[in-house]
């Protein structure tokens, strides 16, 4: 299995129909953080596939930004100011 990383997807889509299509693609793959912002835990192949599907839906006037997050950036601040950890999947095995 290939290595997976956190990615942040943010988009600005002018047409509601295209926005809805992008939302549906990302909703099935990642966590919805804000109106047009998702975070996804993906392999490089999964990320490229999702990027390709999203770009098929976009028009030239739309914007898509994908950021690979550093492992150290898994702590986020919420509006309440309390730190929260993103739940990364643990190993599927234990070594004794």
N, C-alpha and C. Protein backbone atom coordinates (compact mmCIF):
# COMPACT_ATOMS: atom_id res chain seq x y z
N UNK A 1 0.85 -1.19 0.00
CA UNK A 1 0.00 0.00 0.00
C UNK A 1 0.89 1.24 0.00
N UNK A 2 0.53 2.22 -0.79
CA UNK A 2 1.35 3.42 -0.89
C UNK A 2 1.13 4.35 0.31
N UNK A 3 2.10 5.20 0.53
CA UNK A 3 2.07 6.14 1.65
C UNK A 3 0.96 7.17 1.44
N UNK A 4 0.28 7.52 2.53
CA UNK A 4 -0.81 8.49 2.45
C UNK A 4 -0.43 9.76 3.19
N UNK A 5 -1.02 10.88 2.75
CA UNK A 5 -0.74 12.19 3.34
C UNK A 5 -2.05 12.96 3.46
N UNK A 6 -2.02 13.98 4.31
CA UNK A 6 -3.15 14.90 4.41
C UNK A 6 -3.04 15.93 3.30
N UNK A 7 -4.16 16.23 2.65
CA UNK A 7 -4.25 17.27 1.63
C UNK A 7 -5.39 18.20 1.99
N UNK A 8 -5.19 19.47 1.72
CA UNK A 8 -6.23 20.47 1.91
C UNK A 8 -6.72 20.89 0.53
N UNK A 9 -8.02 20.76 0.28
CA UNK A 9 -8.64 21.15 -0.98
C UNK A 9 -9.49 22.38 -0.72
N UNK A 10 -9.25 23.44 -1.45
CA UNK A 10 -10.06 24.66 -1.35
C UNK A 10 -10.42 25.09 -2.77
N UNK A 11 -11.68 25.48 -2.96
CA UNK A 11 -12.11 25.84 -4.31
C UNK A 11 -13.02 27.05 -4.29
N UNK A 12 -13.01 27.77 -5.39
CA UNK A 12 -13.88 28.92 -5.61
C UNK A 12 -14.54 28.70 -6.96
N UNK A 13 -15.78 28.27 -6.92
CA UNK A 13 -16.50 27.89 -8.14
C UNK A 13 -17.69 28.82 -8.30
N UNK A 14 -17.79 29.48 -9.44
CA UNK A 14 -18.80 30.53 -9.65
C UNK A 14 -20.20 30.00 -9.94
N UNK A 15 -20.32 28.82 -10.52
CA UNK A 15 -21.62 28.27 -10.89
C UNK A 15 -22.08 27.27 -9.84
N UNK A 16 -23.33 27.38 -9.39
CA UNK A 16 -23.82 26.53 -8.31
C UNK A 16 -23.82 25.05 -8.71
N UNK A 17 -24.15 24.74 -9.95
CA UNK A 17 -24.17 23.34 -10.39
C UNK A 17 -22.77 22.73 -10.32
N UNK A 18 -21.77 23.45 -10.79
CA UNK A 18 -20.39 22.96 -10.73
C UNK A 18 -19.90 22.87 -9.28
N UNK A 19 -20.29 23.86 -8.46
CA UNK A 19 -19.91 23.84 -7.05
C UNK A 19 -20.47 22.58 -6.38
N UNK A 20 -21.72 22.28 -6.67
CA UNK A 20 -22.37 21.11 -6.08
C UNK A 20 -21.67 19.82 -6.50
N UNK A 21 -21.26 19.70 -7.76
CA UNK A 21 -20.56 18.52 -8.24
C UNK A 21 -19.22 18.35 -7.50
N UNK A 22 -18.49 19.44 -7.35
CA UNK A 22 -17.21 19.39 -6.62
C UNK A 22 -17.44 18.99 -5.17
N UNK A 23 -18.47 19.56 -4.56
CA UNK A 23 -18.81 19.23 -3.17
C UNK A 23 -19.11 17.75 -3.03
N UNK A 24 -19.89 17.19 -3.94
CA UNK A 24 -20.24 15.77 -3.88
C UNK A 24 -19.01 14.88 -4.02
N UNK A 25 -18.10 15.24 -4.91
CA UNK A 25 -16.87 14.45 -5.07
C UNK A 25 -16.04 14.46 -3.78
N UNK A 26 -15.88 15.62 -3.19
CA UNK A 26 -15.05 15.73 -1.99
C UNK A 26 -15.75 15.20 -0.75
N UNK A 27 -17.05 15.35 -0.67
CA UNK A 27 -17.80 14.88 0.50
C UNK A 27 -17.62 13.38 0.68
N UNK A 28 -17.55 12.65 -0.40
CA UNK A 28 -17.37 11.21 -0.32
C UNK A 28 -15.94 10.80 -0.02
N UNK A 29 -15.02 11.75 0.01
CA UNK A 29 -13.61 11.43 0.16
C UNK A 29 -12.97 12.02 1.40
N UNK A 30 -13.40 13.22 1.80
CA UNK A 30 -12.72 13.90 2.89
C UNK A 30 -13.66 14.52 3.90
N UNK A 31 -13.07 15.28 4.82
CA UNK A 31 -13.80 15.96 5.89
C UNK A 31 -14.10 17.39 5.47
N UNK A 32 -15.35 17.80 5.59
CA UNK A 32 -15.79 19.14 5.22
C UNK A 32 -15.45 20.08 6.37
N UNK A 33 -14.52 21.02 6.14
CA UNK A 33 -14.09 21.95 7.19
C UNK A 33 -14.84 23.27 7.13
N UNK A 34 -15.02 23.80 5.93
CA UNK A 34 -15.74 25.05 5.73
C UNK A 34 -16.48 24.97 4.41
N UNK A 35 -17.14 26.05 4.02
CA UNK A 35 -17.99 26.07 2.84
C UNK A 35 -17.35 25.40 1.63
N UNK A 36 -16.14 25.77 1.28
CA UNK A 36 -15.45 25.21 0.11
C UNK A 36 -14.06 24.71 0.47
N UNK A 37 -13.93 24.11 1.64
CA UNK A 37 -12.64 23.61 2.11
C UNK A 37 -12.83 22.20 2.68
N UNK A 38 -12.00 21.28 2.21
CA UNK A 38 -12.01 19.90 2.69
C UNK A 38 -10.59 19.48 3.01
N UNK A 39 -10.46 18.52 3.92
CA UNK A 39 -9.17 17.87 4.15
C UNK A 39 -9.37 16.40 3.88
N UNK A 40 -8.39 15.80 3.20
CA UNK A 40 -8.48 14.40 2.79
C UNK A 40 -7.18 13.69 3.09
N UNK A 41 -7.27 12.45 3.52
CA UNK A 41 -6.11 11.60 3.79
C UNK A 41 -6.00 10.62 2.64
N UNK A 42 -5.08 10.88 1.70
CA UNK A 42 -5.04 10.15 0.44
C UNK A 42 -3.63 9.70 0.07
N UNK A 43 -3.59 8.65 -0.75
CA UNK A 43 -2.32 8.27 -1.38
C UNK A 43 -2.11 9.22 -2.56
N UNK A 44 -0.93 9.21 -3.12
CA UNK A 44 -0.65 10.07 -4.28
C UNK A 44 -1.56 9.72 -5.45
N UNK A 45 -1.81 8.43 -5.65
CA UNK A 45 -2.68 8.00 -6.74
C UNK A 45 -4.11 8.47 -6.52
N UNK A 46 -4.61 8.35 -5.28
CA UNK A 46 -5.96 8.81 -4.97
C UNK A 46 -6.08 10.31 -5.15
N UNK A 47 -5.04 11.06 -4.72
CA UNK A 47 -5.07 12.51 -4.85
C UNK A 47 -5.12 12.92 -6.31
N UNK A 48 -4.32 12.29 -7.15
CA UNK A 48 -4.31 12.64 -8.57
C UNK A 48 -5.63 12.29 -9.23
N UNK A 49 -6.21 11.18 -8.85
CA UNK A 49 -7.51 10.78 -9.41
C UNK A 49 -8.59 11.79 -9.02
N UNK A 50 -8.59 12.20 -7.75
CA UNK A 50 -9.57 13.18 -7.29
C UNK A 50 -9.35 14.53 -7.97
N UNK A 51 -8.10 14.95 -8.09
CA UNK A 51 -7.79 16.21 -8.77
C UNK A 51 -8.29 16.17 -10.21
N UNK A 52 -8.07 15.06 -10.90
CA UNK A 52 -8.51 14.92 -12.28
C UNK A 52 -10.04 15.00 -12.38
N UNK A 53 -10.74 14.32 -11.47
CA UNK A 53 -12.21 14.37 -11.48
C UNK A 53 -12.72 15.77 -11.21
N UNK A 54 -12.09 16.48 -10.27
CA UNK A 54 -12.50 17.84 -9.96
C UNK A 54 -12.26 18.77 -11.15
N UNK A 55 -11.10 18.66 -11.77
CA UNK A 55 -10.79 19.55 -12.88
C UNK A 55 -11.68 19.30 -14.09
N UNK A 56 -12.22 18.11 -14.23
CA UNK A 56 -13.20 17.84 -15.30
C UNK A 56 -14.47 18.66 -15.10
N UNK A 57 -14.82 18.94 -13.84
CA UNK A 57 -16.04 19.69 -13.52
C UNK A 57 -15.86 21.20 -13.61
N UNK A 58 -14.62 21.67 -13.48
CA UNK A 58 -14.36 23.10 -13.38
C UNK A 58 -14.33 23.80 -14.73
N UNK A 59 -14.72 25.06 -14.71
CA UNK A 59 -14.59 25.92 -15.89
C UNK A 59 -13.34 26.77 -15.70
N UNK A 60 -12.96 27.47 -16.74
CA UNK A 60 -11.75 28.30 -16.67
C UNK A 60 -11.86 29.39 -15.60
N UNK A 61 -13.04 29.87 -15.33
CA UNK A 61 -13.24 30.94 -14.34
C UNK A 61 -13.15 30.44 -12.90
N UNK A 62 -13.16 29.13 -12.69
CA UNK A 62 -13.12 28.56 -11.35
C UNK A 62 -11.67 28.38 -10.87
N UNK A 63 -11.52 28.27 -9.56
CA UNK A 63 -10.20 28.08 -8.96
C UNK A 63 -10.21 26.86 -8.05
N UNK A 64 -9.12 26.11 -8.07
CA UNK A 64 -8.92 24.95 -7.21
C UNK A 64 -7.52 25.03 -6.64
N UNK A 65 -7.40 24.88 -5.33
CA UNK A 65 -6.10 24.88 -4.68
C UNK A 65 -5.98 23.59 -3.87
N UNK A 66 -4.88 22.87 -4.07
CA UNK A 66 -4.62 21.64 -3.33
C UNK A 66 -3.28 21.81 -2.63
N UNK A 67 -3.26 21.60 -1.33
CA UNK A 67 -2.04 21.77 -0.54
C UNK A 67 -1.76 20.47 0.19
N UNK A 68 -0.56 19.94 0.00
CA UNK A 68 -0.15 18.78 0.80
C UNK A 68 0.32 19.30 2.14
N UNK A 69 -0.30 18.83 3.20
CA UNK A 69 0.02 19.31 4.54
C UNK A 69 1.19 18.54 5.14
N UNK A 70 2.02 19.24 5.87
CA UNK A 70 3.13 18.61 6.56
C UNK A 70 2.60 17.80 7.73
N UNK A 71 3.25 16.72 8.10
CA UNK A 71 2.79 15.91 9.24
C UNK A 71 2.66 16.71 10.53
N UNK A 72 3.48 17.74 10.68
CA UNK A 72 3.44 18.56 11.90
C UNK A 72 2.20 19.45 11.95
N UNK A 73 1.48 19.58 10.85
CA UNK A 73 0.35 20.50 10.81
C UNK A 73 -0.98 19.82 11.13
N UNK A 74 -0.93 18.70 11.86
CA UNK A 74 -2.17 18.00 12.17
C UNK A 74 -2.90 18.60 13.37
N UNK A 75 -2.29 19.57 14.05
CA UNK A 75 -2.99 20.26 15.13
C UNK A 75 -3.65 21.50 14.54
N UNK A 76 -4.95 21.66 14.77
CA UNK A 76 -5.67 22.82 14.26
C UNK A 76 -6.31 23.57 15.42
N UNK A 77 -6.53 24.85 15.23
CA UNK A 77 -7.22 25.66 16.22
C UNK A 77 -8.65 25.85 15.78
N UNK A 78 -9.57 25.59 16.67
CA UNK A 78 -10.97 25.82 16.37
C UNK A 78 -11.36 27.20 16.84
N UNK A 79 -12.56 27.65 16.47
CA UNK A 79 -13.01 28.98 16.88
C UNK A 79 -13.03 29.12 18.39
N UNK A 80 -13.22 28.02 19.10
CA UNK A 80 -13.26 28.07 20.55
C UNK A 80 -11.86 28.24 21.14
N UNK A 81 -10.84 28.09 20.31
CA UNK A 81 -9.47 28.24 20.77
C UNK A 81 -8.89 26.97 21.35
N UNK A 82 -9.68 25.89 21.41
CA UNK A 82 -9.17 24.64 21.95
C UNK A 82 -8.46 23.87 20.84
N UNK A 83 -7.25 23.39 21.10
CA UNK A 83 -6.56 22.61 20.06
C UNK A 83 -7.28 21.29 19.83
N UNK A 84 -7.22 20.82 18.62
CA UNK A 84 -7.84 19.55 18.26
C UNK A 84 -6.87 18.77 17.38
N UNK A 85 -6.78 17.48 17.58
CA UNK A 85 -5.91 16.64 16.74
C UNK A 85 -6.74 15.99 15.66
N UNK A 86 -6.20 16.01 14.45
CA UNK A 86 -6.83 15.26 13.37
C UNK A 86 -6.55 13.80 13.64
N UNK A 87 -7.54 12.99 13.49
CA UNK A 87 -7.37 11.57 13.76
C UNK A 87 -6.76 10.87 12.56
N UNK A 88 -5.48 10.58 12.68
CA UNK A 88 -4.83 9.82 11.64
C UNK A 88 -5.03 8.35 11.96
N UNK A 89 -5.30 7.55 10.94
CA UNK A 89 -5.46 6.13 11.20
C UNK A 89 -4.19 5.55 11.80
N UNK A 90 -4.36 4.72 12.79
CA UNK A 90 -3.22 4.07 13.41
C UNK A 90 -2.73 2.91 12.57
N UNK A 91 -1.63 2.31 12.99
CA UNK A 91 -1.13 1.16 12.23
C UNK A 91 -2.12 0.01 12.29
N UNK A 92 -2.13 -0.81 11.27
CA UNK A 92 -3.05 -1.93 11.23
C UNK A 92 -2.45 -3.17 11.89
N UNK A 93 -1.32 -3.03 12.50
CA UNK A 93 -0.67 -4.17 13.15
C UNK A 93 0.09 -3.67 14.36
N UNK A 94 0.42 -4.58 15.26
CA UNK A 94 1.22 -4.25 16.42
C UNK A 94 2.46 -5.12 16.42
N UNK A 95 3.58 -4.57 16.84
CA UNK A 95 4.82 -5.32 16.93
C UNK A 95 5.08 -5.59 18.39
N UNK A 96 5.27 -6.84 18.76
CA UNK A 96 5.53 -7.22 20.15
C UNK A 96 6.96 -7.63 20.34
